[in-house]
Amino acid sequence: MNQFVKPLQMLAVIVAGLLNEQQQLAIEYLREENRVLREQFGKRRFRFTDKQRRRLAVRAKRLGRKKLHEICCIVTPATLLHCCTGIGS
């Protein structure tokens, strides 16, 4: 039994690593896409609907302020977290 478990564990680690790599590549792409969009818009403010604000705020709340500072490009973390105050968990 023990001889079978080790290869199975190794396979699980390999699969998890591949999935993590794909997720990281997707995140890097989306960050760059946000930078490009920000360059096109320049200093102009984005106008969001209430529904869009809520969608962003729900996800922002789950990430937390520290992570938002690392990835936010189009909305400040303070704005997103402020929108979270009226949203249930």
PDB file of N, CA and C in Angstrom:
ATOM      1  N   MET A   1       0.828  -1.202   0.000  1.00  0.00           N
ATOM      2  CA  MET A   1       0.000   0.000   0.000  1.00  0.00           C
ATOM      3  C   MET A   1       0.871   1.264   0.000  1.00  0.00           C
ATOM      4  N   ASN A   2       1.898   1.290   0.842  1.00  0.00           N
ATOM      5  CA  ASN A   2       2.755   2.452   0.955  1.00  0.00           C
ATOM      6  C   ASN A   2       3.491   2.745  -0.354  1.00  0.00           C
ATOM      7  N   GLN A   3       3.856   1.695  -1.089  1.00  0.00           N
ATOM      8  CA  GLN A   3       4.554   1.887  -2.358  1.00  0.00           C
ATOM      9  C   GLN A   3       3.637   2.542  -3.390  1.00  0.00           C
ATOM     10  N   PHE A   4       2.348   2.301  -3.294  1.00  0.00           N
ATOM     11  CA  PHE A   4       1.386   2.869  -4.231  1.00  0.00           C
ATOM     12  C   PHE A   4       1.077   4.331  -3.899  1.00  0.00           C
ATOM     13  N   VAL A   5       1.107   4.678  -2.619  1.00  0.00           N
ATOM     14  CA  VAL A   5       0.734   6.019  -2.184  1.00  0.00           C
ATOM     15  C   VAL A   5       1.749   7.064  -2.650  1.00  0.00           C
ATOM     16  N   LYS A   6       3.024   6.764  -2.590  1.00  0.00           N
ATOM     17  CA  LYS A   6       4.047   7.740  -2.958  1.00  0.00           C
ATOM     18  C   LYS A   6       3.947   8.176  -4.419  1.00  0.00           C
ATOM     19  N   PRO A   7       3.802   7.264  -5.387  1.00  0.00           N
ATOM     20  CA  PRO A   7       3.626   7.730  -6.765  1.00  0.00           C
ATOM     21  C   PRO A   7       2.337   8.531  -6.942  1.00  0.00           C
ATOM     22  N   LEU A   8       1.293   8.156  -6.226  1.00  0.00           N
ATOM     23  CA  LEU A   8       0.033   8.881  -6.305  1.00  0.00           C
ATOM     24  C   LEU A   8       0.183  10.292  -5.733  1.00  0.00           C
ATOM     25  N   GLN A   9       0.911  10.414  -4.638  1.00  0.00           N
ATOM     26  CA  GLN A   9       1.168  11.732  -4.061  1.00  0.00           C
ATOM     27  C   GLN A   9       2.002  12.579  -5.015  1.00  0.00           C
ATOM     28  N   MET A  10       2.990  11.976  -5.640  1.00  0.00           N
ATOM     29  CA  MET A  10       3.840  12.693  -6.579  1.00  0.00           C
ATOM     30  C   MET A  10       3.023  13.185  -7.764  1.00  0.00           C
ATOM     31  N   LEU A  11       2.124  12.362  -8.254  1.00  0.00           N
ATOM     32  CA  LEU A  11       1.257  12.748  -9.363  1.00  0.00           C
ATOM     33  C   LEU A  11       0.366  13.925  -8.965  1.00  0.00           C
ATOM     34  N   ALA A  12      -0.162  13.884  -7.760  1.00  0.00           N
ATOM     35  CA  ALA A  12      -1.008  14.975  -7.272  1.00  0.00           C
ATOM     36  C   ALA A  12      -0.215  16.279  -7.176  1.00  0.00           C
ATOM     37  N   VAL A  13       1.034  16.206  -6.729  1.00  0.00           N
ATOM     38  CA  VAL A  13       1.880  17.390  -6.627  1.00  0.00           C
ATOM     39  C   VAL A  13       2.179  17.951  -8.011  1.00  0.00           C
ATOM     40  N   ILE A  14       2.457  17.104  -8.977  1.00  0.00           N
ATOM     41  CA  ILE A  14       2.744  17.539 -10.342  1.00  0.00           C
ATOM     42  C   ILE A  14       1.530  18.225 -10.950  1.00  0.00           C
ATOM     43  N   VAL A  15       0.358  17.625 -10.801  1.00  0.00           N
ATOM     44  CA  VAL A  15      -0.873  18.205 -11.345  1.00  0.00           C
ATOM     45  C   VAL A  15      -1.163  19.554 -10.692  1.00  0.00           C
ATOM     46  N   ALA A  16      -1.006  19.621  -9.376  1.00  0.00           N
ATOM     47  CA  ALA A  16      -1.240  20.886  -8.664  1.00  0.00           C
ATOM     48  C   ALA A  16      -0.263  21.959  -9.143  1.00  0.00           C
ATOM     49  N   GLY A  17       0.971  21.590  -9.361  1.00  0.00           N
ATOM     50  CA  GLY A  17       1.962  22.543  -9.852  1.00  0.00           C
ATOM     51  C   GLY A  17       1.619  23.060 -11.234  1.00  0.00           C
ATOM     52  N   LEU A  18       1.161  22.185 -12.115  1.00  0.00           N
ATOM     53  CA  LEU A  18       0.779  22.603 -13.462  1.00  0.00           C
ATOM     54  C   LEU A  18      -0.426  23.538 -13.437  1.00  0.00           C
ATOM     55  N   LEU A  19      -1.397  23.213 -12.600  1.00  0.00           N
ATOM     56  CA  LEU A  19      -2.573  24.081 -12.471  1.00  0.00           C
ATOM     57  C   LEU A  19      -2.188  25.453 -11.922  1.00  0.00           C
ATOM     58  N   ASN A  20      -1.299  25.460 -10.930  1.00  0.00           N
ATOM     59  CA  ASN A  20      -0.853  26.721 -10.352  1.00  0.00           C
ATOM     60  C   ASN A  20      -0.125  27.564 -11.400  1.00  0.00           C
ATOM     61  N   GLU A  21       0.697  26.937 -12.210  1.00  0.00           N
ATOM     62  CA  GLU A  21       1.418  27.659 -13.255  1.00  0.00           C
ATOM     63  C   GLU A  21       0.454  28.292 -14.253  1.00  0.00           C
ATOM     64  N   GLN A  22      -0.566  27.554 -14.652  1.00  0.00           N
ATOM     65  CA  GLN A  22      -1.555  28.088 -15.582  1.00  0.00           C
ATOM     66  C   GLN A  22      -2.311  29.264 -14.970  1.00  0.00           C
ATOM     67  N   GLN A  23      -2.656  29.157 -13.704  1.00  0.00           N
ATOM     68  CA  GLN A  23      -3.349  30.251 -13.028  1.00  0.00           C
ATOM     69  C   GLN A  23      -2.462  31.487 -12.942  1.00  0.00           C
ATOM     70  N   GLN A  24      -1.194  31.300 -12.644  1.00  0.00           N
ATOM     71  CA  GLN A  24      -0.268  32.429 -12.571  1.00  0.00           C
ATOM     72  C   GLN A  24      -0.124  33.114 -13.923  1.00  0.00           C
ATOM     73  N   LEU A  25      -0.049  32.331 -14.995  1.00  0.00           N
ATOM     74  CA  LEU A  25       0.042  32.912 -16.333  1.00  0.00           C
ATOM     75  C   LEU A  25      -1.212  33.721 -16.663  1.00  0.00           C
ATOM     76  N   ALA A  26      -2.375  33.207 -16.282  1.00  0.00           N
ATOM     77  CA  ALA A  26      -3.628  33.924 -16.522  1.00  0.00           C
ATOM     78  C   ALA A  26      -3.658  35.229 -15.732  1.00  0.00           C
ATOM     79  N   ILE A  27      -3.200  35.194 -14.490  1.00  0.00           N
ATOM     80  CA  ILE A  27      -3.170  36.395 -13.656  1.00  0.00           C
ATOM     81  C   ILE A  27      -2.220  37.425 -14.248  1.00  0.00           C
ATOM     82  N   GLU A  28      -1.044  36.987 -14.683  1.00  0.00           N
ATOM     83  CA  GLU A  28      -0.081  37.914 -15.287  1.00  0.00           C
ATOM     84  C   GLU A  28      -0.660  38.554 -16.542  1.00  0.00           C
ATOM     85  N   TYR A  29      -1.354  37.758 -17.344  1.00  0.00           N
ATOM     86  CA  TYR A  29      -1.967  38.300 -18.552  1.00  0.00           C
ATOM     87  C   TYR A  29      -3.017  39.356 -18.192  1.00  0.00           C
ATOM     88  N   LEU A  30      -3.882  39.057 -17.239  1.00  0.00           N
ATOM     89  CA  LEU A  30      -4.939  39.998 -16.855  1.00  0.00           C
ATOM     90  C   LEU A  30      -4.369  41.276 -16.257  1.00  0.00           C
ATOM     91  N   ARG A  31      -3.286  41.158 -15.505  1.00  0.00           N
ATOM     92  CA  ARG A  31      -2.635  42.360 -14.974  1.00  0.00           C
ATOM     93  C   ARG A  31      -2.119  43.240 -16.112  1.00  0.00           C
ATOM     94  N   GLU A  32      -1.487  42.613 -17.083  1.00  0.00           N
ATOM     95  CA  GLU A  32      -0.967  43.379 -18.212  1.00  0.00           C
ATOM     96  C   GLU A  32      -2.095  43.986 -19.032  1.00  0.00           C
ATOM     97  N   GLU A  33      -3.178  43.243 -19.197  1.00  0.00           N
ATOM     98  CA  GLU A  33      -4.339  43.764 -19.915  1.00  0.00           C
ATOM     99  C   GLU A  33      -4.887  45.000 -19.200  1.00  0.00           C
ATOM    100  N   ASN A  34      -4.948  44.951 -17.881  1.00  0.00           N
ATOM    101  CA  ASN A  34      -5.402  46.100 -17.102  1.00  0.00           C
ATOM    102  C   ASN A  34      -4.470  47.295 -17.281  1.00  0.00           C
ATOM    103  N   ARG A  35      -3.160  47.044 -17.316  1.00  0.00           N
ATOM    104  CA  ARG A  35      -2.205  48.137 -17.518  1.00  0.00           C
ATOM    105  C   ARG A  35      -2.421  48.804 -18.879  1.00  0.00           C
ATOM    106  N   VAL A  36      -2.637  47.981 -19.910  1.00  0.00           N
ATOM    107  CA  VAL A  36      -2.862  48.512 -21.256  1.00  0.00           C
ATOM    108  C   VAL A  36      -4.134  49.352 -21.283  1.00  0.00           C
ATOM    109  N   LEU A  37      -5.190  48.861 -20.685  1.00  0.00           N
ATOM    110  CA  LEU A  37      -6.441  49.615 -20.638  1.00  0.00           C
ATOM    111  C   LEU A  37      -6.264  50.922 -19.874  1.00  0.00           C
ATOM    112  N   ARG A  38      -5.507  50.872 -18.780  1.00  0.00           N
ATOM    113  CA  ARG A  38      -5.259  52.070 -17.987  1.00  0.00           C
ATOM    114  C   ARG A  38      -4.483  53.094 -18.826  1.00  0.00           C
ATOM    115  N   GLU A  39      -3.518  52.623 -19.616  1.00  0.00           N
ATOM    116  CA  GLU A  39      -2.764  53.530 -20.488  1.00  0.00           C
ATOM    117  C   GLU A  39      -3.678  54.192 -21.511  1.00  0.00           C
ATOM    118  N   GLN A  40      -4.635  53.451 -22.039  1.00  0.00           N
ATOM    119  CA  GLN A  40      -5.547  54.006 -23.032  1.00  0.00           C
ATOM    120  C   GLN A  40      -6.479  55.045 -22.414  1.00  0.00           C
ATOM    121  N   PHE A  41      -6.897  54.814 -21.189  1.00  0.00           N
ATOM    122  CA  PHE A  41      -7.805  55.736 -20.527  1.00  0.00           C
ATOM    123  C   PHE A  41      -7.080  56.920 -19.931  1.00  0.00           C
ATOM    124  N   GLY A  42      -5.803  56.762 -19.640  1.00  0.00           N
ATOM    125  CA  GLY A  42      -5.040  57.848 -19.040  1.00  0.00           C
ATOM    126  C   GLY A  42      -5.534  58.174 -17.653  1.00  0.00           C
ATOM    127  N   LYS A  43      -5.659  59.448 -17.362  1.00  0.00           N
ATOM    128  CA  LYS A  43      -6.069  59.888 -16.027  1.00  0.00           C
ATOM    129  C   LYS A  43      -7.582  59.995 -15.872  1.00  0.00           C
ATOM    130  N   ARG A  44      -8.306  59.744 -16.947  1.00  0.00           N
ATOM    131  CA  ARG A  44      -9.773  59.840 -16.843  1.00  0.00           C
ATOM    132  C   ARG A  44     -10.305  58.813 -15.849  1.00  0.00           C
ATOM    133  N   ARG A  45     -11.344  59.202 -15.162  1.00  0.00           N
ATOM    134  CA  ARG A  45     -11.963  58.295 -14.190  1.00  0.00           C
ATOM    135  C   ARG A  45     -12.852  57.290 -14.901  1.00  0.00           C
ATOM    136  N   PHE A  46     -12.870  56.097 -14.378  1.00  0.00           N
ATOM    137  CA  PHE A  46     -13.781  55.081 -14.885  1.00  0.00           C
ATOM    138  C   PHE A  46     -15.150  55.307 -14.256  1.00  0.00           C
ATOM    139  N   ARG A  47     -16.170  55.083 -15.012  1.00  0.00           N
ATOM    140  CA  ARG A  47     -17.539  55.202 -14.505  1.00  0.00           C
ATOM    141  C   ARG A  47     -18.146  53.808 -14.456  1.00  0.00           C
ATOM    142  N   PHE A  48     -18.468  53.349 -13.257  1.00  0.00           N
ATOM    143  CA  PHE A  48     -19.049  52.033 -13.069  1.00  0.00           C
ATOM    144  C   PHE A  48     -20.508  52.149 -12.664  1.00  0.00           C
ATOM    145  N   THR A  49     -21.280  51.163 -13.080  1.00  0.00           N
ATOM    146  CA  THR A  49     -22.651  51.084 -12.606  1.00  0.00           C
ATOM    147  C   THR A  49     -22.624  50.524 -11.186  1.00  0.00           C
ATOM    148  N   ASP A  50     -23.734  50.641 -10.479  1.00  0.00           N
ATOM    149  CA  ASP A  50     -23.801  50.066  -9.129  1.00  0.00           C
ATOM    150  C   ASP A  50     -23.560  48.566  -9.159  1.00  0.00           C
ATOM    151  N   LYS A  51     -24.095  47.913 -10.166  1.00  0.00           N
ATOM    152  CA  LYS A  51     -23.926  46.461 -10.284  1.00  0.00           C
ATOM    153  C   LYS A  51     -22.444  46.107 -10.478  1.00  0.00           C
ATOM    154  N   GLN A  52     -21.743  46.853 -11.304  1.00  0.00           N
ATOM    155  CA  GLN A  52     -20.322  46.609 -11.525  1.00  0.00           C
ATOM    156  C   GLN A  52     -19.519  46.853 -10.245  1.00  0.00           C
ATOM    157  N   ARG A  53     -19.861  47.923  -9.538  1.00  0.00           N
ATOM    158  CA  ARG A  53     -19.180  48.218  -8.272  1.00  0.00           C
ATOM    159  C   ARG A  53     -19.367  47.084  -7.271  1.00  0.00           C
ATOM    160  N   ARG A  54     -20.579  46.582  -7.186  1.00  0.00           N
ATOM    161  CA  ARG A  54     -20.852  45.479  -6.262  1.00  0.00           C
ATOM    162  C   ARG A  54     -20.057  44.244  -6.628  1.00  0.00           C
ATOM    163  N   ARG A  55     -20.024  43.916  -7.931  1.00  0.00           N
ATOM    164  CA  ARG A  55     -19.271  42.734  -8.370  1.00  0.00           C
ATOM    165  C   ARG A  55     -17.794  42.850  -8.005  1.00  0.00           C
ATOM    166  N   LEU A  56     -17.219  44.013  -8.243  1.00  0.00           N
ATOM    167  CA  LEU A  56     -15.812  44.218  -7.890  1.00  0.00           C
ATOM    168  C   LEU A  56     -15.608  44.190  -6.378  1.00  0.00           C
ATOM    169  N   ALA A  57     -16.522  44.811  -5.646  1.00  0.00           N
ATOM    170  CA  ALA A  57     -16.383  44.892  -4.192  1.00  0.00           C
ATOM    171  C   ALA A  57     -16.462  43.519  -3.535  1.00  0.00           C
ATOM    172  N   VAL A  58     -17.330  42.652  -4.024  1.00  0.00           N
ATOM    173  CA  VAL A  58     -17.449  41.303  -3.454  1.00  0.00           C
ATOM    174  C   VAL A  58     -16.121  40.567  -3.578  1.00  0.00           C
ATOM    175  N   ARG A  59     -15.507  40.664  -4.723  1.00  0.00           N
ATOM    176  CA  ARG A  59     -14.220  39.988  -4.922  1.00  0.00           C
ATOM    177  C   ARG A  59     -13.100  40.680  -4.152  1.00  0.00           C
ATOM    178  N   ALA A  60     -13.174  41.994  -4.052  1.00  0.00           N
ATOM    179  CA  ALA A  60     -12.154  42.748  -3.318  1.00  0.00           C
ATOM    180  C   ALA A  60     -12.158  42.374  -1.845  1.00  0.00           C
ATOM    181  N   LYS A  61     -13.335  42.219  -1.298  1.00  0.00           N
ATOM    182  CA  LYS A  61     -13.459  41.895   0.125  1.00  0.00           C
ATOM    183  C   LYS A  61     -12.783  40.563   0.436  1.00  0.00           C
ATOM    184  N   ARG A  62     -12.913  39.609  -0.461  1.00  0.00           N
ATOM    185  CA  ARG A  62     -12.309  38.285  -0.252  1.00  0.00           C
ATOM    186  C   ARG A  62     -10.787  38.342  -0.337  1.00  0.00           C
ATOM    187  N   LEU A  63     -10.255  39.273  -1.122  1.00  0.00           N
ATOM    188  CA  LEU A  63      -8.806  39.382  -1.268  1.00  0.00           C
ATOM    189  C   LEU A  63      -8.140  40.092  -0.100  1.00  0.00           C
ATOM    190  N   GLY A  64      -8.735  41.166   0.339  1.00  0.00           N
ATOM    191  CA  GLY A  64      -8.130  41.956   1.406  1.00  0.00           C
ATOM    192  C   GLY A  64      -7.277  43.085   0.851  1.00  0.00           C
ATOM    193  N   ARG A  65      -7.017  44.063   1.704  1.00  0.00           N
ATOM    194  CA  ARG A  65      -6.339  45.294   1.303  1.00  0.00           C
ATOM    195  C   ARG A  65      -4.923  45.056   0.787  1.00  0.00           C
ATOM    196  N   LYS A  66      -4.145  44.221   1.449  1.00  0.00           N
ATOM    197  CA  LYS A  66      -2.747  44.003   1.061  1.00  0.00           C
ATOM    198  C   LYS A  66      -2.645  43.439  -0.358  1.00  0.00           C
ATOM    199  N   LYS A  67      -3.434  42.435  -0.644  1.00  0.00           N
ATOM    200  CA  LYS A  67      -3.400  41.821  -1.969  1.00  0.00           C
ATOM    201  C   LYS A  67      -3.931  42.785  -3.029  1.00  0.00           C
ATOM    202  N   LEU A  68      -4.942  43.563  -2.667  1.00  0.00           N
ATOM    203  CA  LEU A  68      -5.488  44.538  -3.609  1.00  0.00           C
ATOM    204  C   LEU A  68      -4.439  45.570  -4.021  1.00  0.00           C
ATOM    205  N   HIS A  69      -3.601  45.974  -3.078  1.00  0.00           N
ATOM    206  CA  HIS A  69      -2.549  46.937  -3.411  1.00  0.00           C
ATOM    207  C   HIS A  69      -1.585  46.356  -4.441  1.00  0.00           C
ATOM    208  N   GLU A  70      -1.392  45.048  -4.404  1.00  0.00           N
ATOM    209  CA  GLU A  70      -0.491  44.398  -5.359  1.00  0.00           C
ATOM    210  C   GLU A  70      -1.094  44.337  -6.760  1.00  0.00           C
ATOM    211  N   ILE A  71      -2.405  44.161  -6.856  1.00  0.00           N
ATOM    212  CA  ILE A  71      -2.990  43.876  -8.169  1.00  0.00           C
ATOM    213  C   ILE A  71      -3.905  44.945  -8.728  1.00  0.00           C
ATOM    214  N   CYS A  72      -4.359  45.878  -7.916  1.00  0.00           N
ATOM    215  CA  CYS A  72      -5.329  46.868  -8.395  1.00  0.00           C
ATOM    216  C   CYS A  72      -4.726  47.803  -9.428  1.00  0.00           C
ATOM    217  N   CYS A  73      -5.467  48.014 -10.472  1.00  0.00           N
ATOM    218  CA  CYS A  73      -5.015  48.933 -11.510  1.00  0.00           C
ATOM    219  C   CYS A  73      -6.070  49.987 -11.823  1.00  0.00           C
ATOM    220  N   ILE A  74      -7.333  49.619 -11.865  1.00  0.00           N
ATOM    221  CA  ILE A  74      -8.345  50.563 -12.327  1.00  0.00           C
ATOM    222  C   ILE A  74      -9.168  51.179 -11.205  1.00  0.00           C
ATOM    223  N   VAL A  75      -9.143  50.572 -10.031  1.00  0.00           N
ATOM    224  CA  VAL A  75      -9.886  51.096  -8.885  1.00  0.00           C
ATOM    225  C   VAL A  75      -8.982  50.990  -7.668  1.00  0.00           C
ATOM    226  N   THR A  76      -8.983  52.006  -6.824  1.00  0.00           N
ATOM    227  CA  THR A  76      -8.145  51.930  -5.626  1.00  0.00           C
ATOM    228  C   THR A  76      -8.733  50.930  -4.631  1.00  0.00           C
ATOM    229  N   PRO A  77      -7.876  50.267  -3.874  1.00  0.00           N
ATOM    230  CA  PRO A  77      -8.367  49.330  -2.865  1.00  0.00           C
ATOM    231  C   PRO A  77      -9.314  49.981  -1.868  1.00  0.00           C
ATOM    232  N   ALA A  78      -9.039  51.224  -1.491  1.00  0.00           N
ATOM    233  CA  ALA A  78      -9.903  51.913  -0.529  1.00  0.00           C
ATOM    234  C   ALA A  78     -11.321  52.050  -1.078  1.00  0.00           C
ATOM    235  N   THR A  79     -11.423  52.374  -2.364  1.00  0.00           N
ATOM    236  CA  THR A  79     -12.737  52.509  -2.988  1.00  0.00           C
ATOM    237  C   THR A  79     -13.482  51.185  -2.983  1.00  0.00           C
ATOM    238  N   LEU A  80     -12.782  50.130  -3.356  1.00  0.00           N
ATOM    239  CA  LEU A  80     -13.429  48.815  -3.395  1.00  0.00           C
ATOM    240  C   LEU A  80     -13.869  48.357  -2.017  1.00  0.00           C
ATOM    241  N   LEU A  81     -12.994  48.517  -1.046  1.00  0.00           N
ATOM    242  CA  LEU A  81     -13.331  48.065   0.298  1.00  0.00           C
ATOM    243  C   LEU A  81     -14.406  48.937   0.921  1.00  0.00           C
ATOM    244  N   HIS A  82     -14.463  50.197   0.543  1.00  0.00           N
ATOM    245  CA  HIS A  82     -15.532  51.069   1.020  1.00  0.00           C
ATOM    246  C   HIS A  82     -16.886  50.568   0.488  1.00  0.00           C
ATOM    247  N   CYS A  83     -16.903  50.108  -0.748  1.00  0.00           N
ATOM    248  CA  CYS A  83     -18.142  49.580  -1.347  1.00  0.00           C
ATOM    249  C   CYS A  83     -18.594  48.309  -0.658  1.00  0.00           C
ATOM    250  N   CYS A  84     -17.654  47.599  -0.028  1.00  0.00           N
ATOM    251  CA  CYS A  84     -17.973  46.325   0.620  1.00  0.00           C
ATOM    252  C   CYS A  84     -18.819  46.498   1.880  1.00  0.00           C
ATOM    253  N   THR A  85     -18.806  47.668   2.461  1.00  0.00           N
ATOM    254  CA  THR A  85     -19.455  47.843   3.748  1.00  0.00           C
ATOM    255  C   THR A  85     -20.945  47.499   3.723  1.00  0.00           C
ATOM    256  N   GLY A  86     -21.594  47.689   2.590  1.00  0.00           N
ATOM    257  CA  GLY A  86     -23.019  47.401   2.504  1.00  0.00           C
ATOM    258  C   GLY A  86     -23.333  46.018   1.956  1.00  0.00           C
ATOM    259  N   ILE A  87     -22.293  45.205   1.736  1.00  0.00           N
ATOM    260  CA  ILE A  87     -22.486  43.894   1.118  1.00  0.00           C
ATOM    261  C   ILE A  87     -22.316  42.824   2.162  1.00  0.00           C
ATOM    262  N   GLY A  88     -23.243  41.895   2.195  1.00  0.00           N
ATOM    263  CA  GLY A  88     -23.141  40.776   3.148  1.00  0.00           C
ATOM    264  C   GLY A  88     -22.105  39.776   2.712  1.00  0.00           C
ATOM    265  N   SER A  89     -21.596  38.981   3.656  1.00  0.00           N
ATOM    266  CA  SER A  89     -20.559  38.001   3.356  1.00  0.00           C
ATOM    267  C   SER A  89     -21.097  36.804   2.617  1.00  0.00           C
TER     268      SER A  89
END
